[in-house]
Protein backbone atom coordinates (compact mmCIF):
# COMPACT_ATOMS: atom_id res chain seq x y z
CA MET A 1 86.22 117.69 82.55
CA ARG A 2 85.52 115.30 85.54
CA HIS A 3 84.90 112.04 83.63
CA TYR A 4 88.30 113.20 81.91
CA ARG A 5 90.12 113.15 85.22
CA VAL A 6 88.57 109.92 86.98
CA SER A 7 89.24 108.14 83.33
CA VAL A 8 93.27 109.54 83.98
CA TYR A 9 92.91 108.32 87.59
CA VAL A 10 91.60 104.73 86.56
CA LEU A 11 94.20 104.83 83.98
CA CYS A 12 97.04 105.33 86.03
CA VAL A 13 96.00 102.81 88.92
CA CYS A 14 95.74 100.29 86.02
CA LEU A 15 99.04 100.99 84.61
CA PHE A 16 100.25 101.14 88.57
CA LEU A 17 98.79 97.74 89.47
CA THR A 18 100.17 96.32 86.02
CA LEU A 19 103.91 97.56 86.85
CA ILE A 20 103.60 95.86 90.38
CA LEU A 21 102.26 92.57 88.82
CA ALA A 22 105.29 92.60 86.07
CA GLY A 23 108.16 93.37 88.66
CA TYR A 24 106.88 90.23 90.93
CA SER A 25 106.45 88.10 88.05
CA LEU A 26 109.89 88.97 87.05
CA TRP A 27 111.02 88.79 90.74
CA GLN A 28 109.81 85.29 90.95
CA ARG A 29 111.18 84.22 87.81
CA TYR A 30 115.01 85.12 88.88
CA GLN A 31 114.25 83.50 92.21
CA PRO A 32 116.51 80.86 92.91
CA LEU A 33 114.57 77.77 93.36
CA GLU A 34 113.58 76.28 97.15
CA PHE A 35 112.05 72.74 97.09
CA THR A 36 112.50 68.88 97.68
CA CYS A 37 111.17 66.30 95.30
CA LYS A 38 111.98 62.48 94.50
CA ALA A 39 112.45 60.84 91.28
CA THR A 40 112.60 57.14 91.14
CA PHE A 41 113.40 55.01 87.98
CA VAL A 42 114.81 52.18 86.56
CA GLN A 43 118.10 53.12 84.44
CA HIS A 44 118.61 50.63 81.07
CA HIS A 45 122.02 50.27 80.12
CA ALA A 46 123.95 47.53 77.45
CA ASP A 47 125.29 45.51 80.43
CA GLU A 48 123.20 46.55 83.37
CA ASN A 49 119.85 47.82 84.41
CA LEU A 50 119.60 49.97 87.86
CA TYR A 51 116.97 50.84 89.88
CA VAL A 52 117.34 54.64 91.42
CA SER A 53 115.96 56.71 93.78
CA LEU A 54 117.10 60.61 94.34
CA THR A 55 115.86 62.90 96.59
CA TYR A 56 116.63 66.22 95.91
CA ARG A 57 116.88 68.91 98.67
CA ILE A 58 117.61 72.69 96.85
CA SER A 59 117.96 75.95 98.79
CA LYS A 60 118.83 78.73 97.30
CA ASP A 61 122.37 78.43 96.21
CA SER A 62 123.36 74.83 97.82
CA GLY A 63 121.91 71.47 97.56
CA MET A 64 121.65 67.92 99.16
CA LEU A 65 120.76 64.75 97.01
CA SER A 66 120.26 61.13 98.34
CA MET A 67 120.99 58.94 95.69
CA ASN A 68 120.62 55.27 96.42
CA GLY A 69 119.78 52.33 94.31
CA ARG A 70 120.99 48.65 93.08
CA SER A 71 121.54 46.47 90.15
CA ILE A 72 118.55 44.86 88.90
CA THR A 73 120.72 42.61 87.23
CA ASN A 74 122.87 41.63 90.32
CA GLY A 75 120.99 42.79 93.73
CA ALA A 76 124.36 42.57 95.81
CA ASN A 77 125.41 45.87 93.79
CA LYS A 78 123.93 48.54 96.11
CA PHE A 79 124.77 52.26 96.26
CA ASN A 80 124.12 54.83 98.97
CA ARG A 81 125.44 58.32 99.04
CA LYS A 82 124.51 62.40 99.88
CA ILE A 83 125.96 64.54 97.72
CA PHE A 84 126.14 68.37 98.96
CA PHE A 85 126.50 71.03 96.15
CA ASN A 86 126.68 74.61 95.43
CA ILE A 87 124.04 75.90 92.73
CA GLU A 88 124.77 78.72 90.09
CA LYS A 89 121.58 79.81 88.03
CA ARG A 90 122.88 81.08 84.45
CA ASN A 91 119.18 82.01 82.47
CA ASN A 92 117.17 78.52 82.73
CA VAL A 93 120.39 76.41 83.49
CA TYR A 94 121.65 75.33 86.82
CA HIS A 95 125.30 74.56 87.38
CA LEU A 96 125.54 72.27 90.23
CA HIS A 97 129.04 71.71 91.52
CA SER A 98 129.66 69.04 94.06
CA VAL A 99 131.34 69.90 96.94
CA ASN A 100 131.31 66.72 99.23
CA ASN A 101 130.29 63.16 98.28
CA VAL A 102 129.15 60.94 101.51
CA VAL A 103 129.04 57.24 101.16
CA PHE A 104 127.35 55.40 103.62
CA PRO A 105 128.74 51.90 104.87
CA ASP A 106 126.23 49.97 103.41
CA GLU A 107 127.45 50.94 99.81
CA THR A 108 128.82 47.80 98.17
CA VAL A 109 129.74 49.35 94.73
CA ASN A 110 133.31 51.06 94.02
CA ASN A 111 133.25 54.30 92.62
CA SER A 112 134.46 52.73 89.38
CA TRP A 113 131.68 50.69 89.00
CA LEU A 114 129.13 53.58 89.31
CA GLU A 115 130.98 56.18 87.01
CA LYS A 116 130.04 53.35 84.12
CA TYR A 117 126.34 53.79 84.65
CA GLU A 118 126.18 57.32 86.23
CA PRO A 119 127.78 61.34 85.52
CA MET A 120 130.82 61.89 87.48
CA PHE A 121 128.68 64.84 89.60
CA PHE A 122 126.71 61.88 90.90
CA VAL A 123 130.33 59.64 92.06
CA TYR A 124 133.17 62.40 92.59
CA PRO A 125 133.33 65.46 94.44
CA GLN A 126 134.21 68.70 92.60
CA LYS A 127 132.60 67.38 89.70
CA ASP A 128 129.70 69.67 87.45
CA ILE A 129 126.88 69.13 85.74
CA TYR A 130 124.26 71.17 83.92
CA VAL A 131 120.69 70.60 84.30
CA LYS A 132 117.15 72.67 83.42
CA ILE A 133 114.64 72.32 85.80
CA LEU A 134 111.71 73.01 84.84
CA GLU A 135 108.72 73.67 87.40
CA GLN A 136 105.61 71.68 86.59
CA GLN A 137 102.22 71.59 88.76
CA ASN A 138 103.48 69.02 91.46
CA SER A 139 106.88 68.27 90.12
CA TYR A 140 110.04 69.40 88.40
CA LEU A 141 111.06 68.02 85.02
CA PHE A 142 115.03 67.85 85.02
CA ILE A 143 116.35 67.82 81.65
CA PHE A 144 120.24 67.54 80.93
CA SER A 145 121.71 68.76 77.61
CA THR A 146 118.47 68.62 75.54
CA LEU A 147 117.42 65.24 77.09
CA PRO A 148 114.18 65.18 79.86
CA ALA A 149 116.07 62.72 82.22
CA TYR A 150 113.04 62.21 85.13
CA VAL A 151 110.39 63.76 86.83
CA CYS A 152 111.24 64.93 90.79
CA HIS A 153 107.75 64.63 92.36
CA LYS A 154 107.76 67.56 95.05
CA GLN A 155 107.75 66.41 98.72
CA LYS A 156 106.36 68.10 101.78
CA GLY A 157 107.92 68.20 105.43
CA LEU A 158 111.23 66.41 104.50
């Protein structure tokens, strides 16, 4: 009888710990991402090649994107802006809504030039984009539609 009680006790403790771990895992899964990361890459277009650097700062339901770069074809074409946005998570997809786009004085291109190469979210306020963000070891994979777009490497202390 004593052996039976010990077995039931151990089983209850194991079940309790399993429920706690499962609850924590679910809680962690649905917590909004908070991170800073940087992606640097070259975009190839039919008439233009762009060097692009993106730094994302994501904090719960809002974020800021620092986007700068230049044309490789014509080095005089430079862009430098900060995009402030709101975030809403729907399942594994993040809905980003640009609130304010700040253009810095050293930017030498106009919006109509930039919109030929970048989604409207990156150019104008009050625009939306949907992105899947998958956390990897030391980075985040950004997927637009079904295509992986870039890997954004975690940054510390920014």
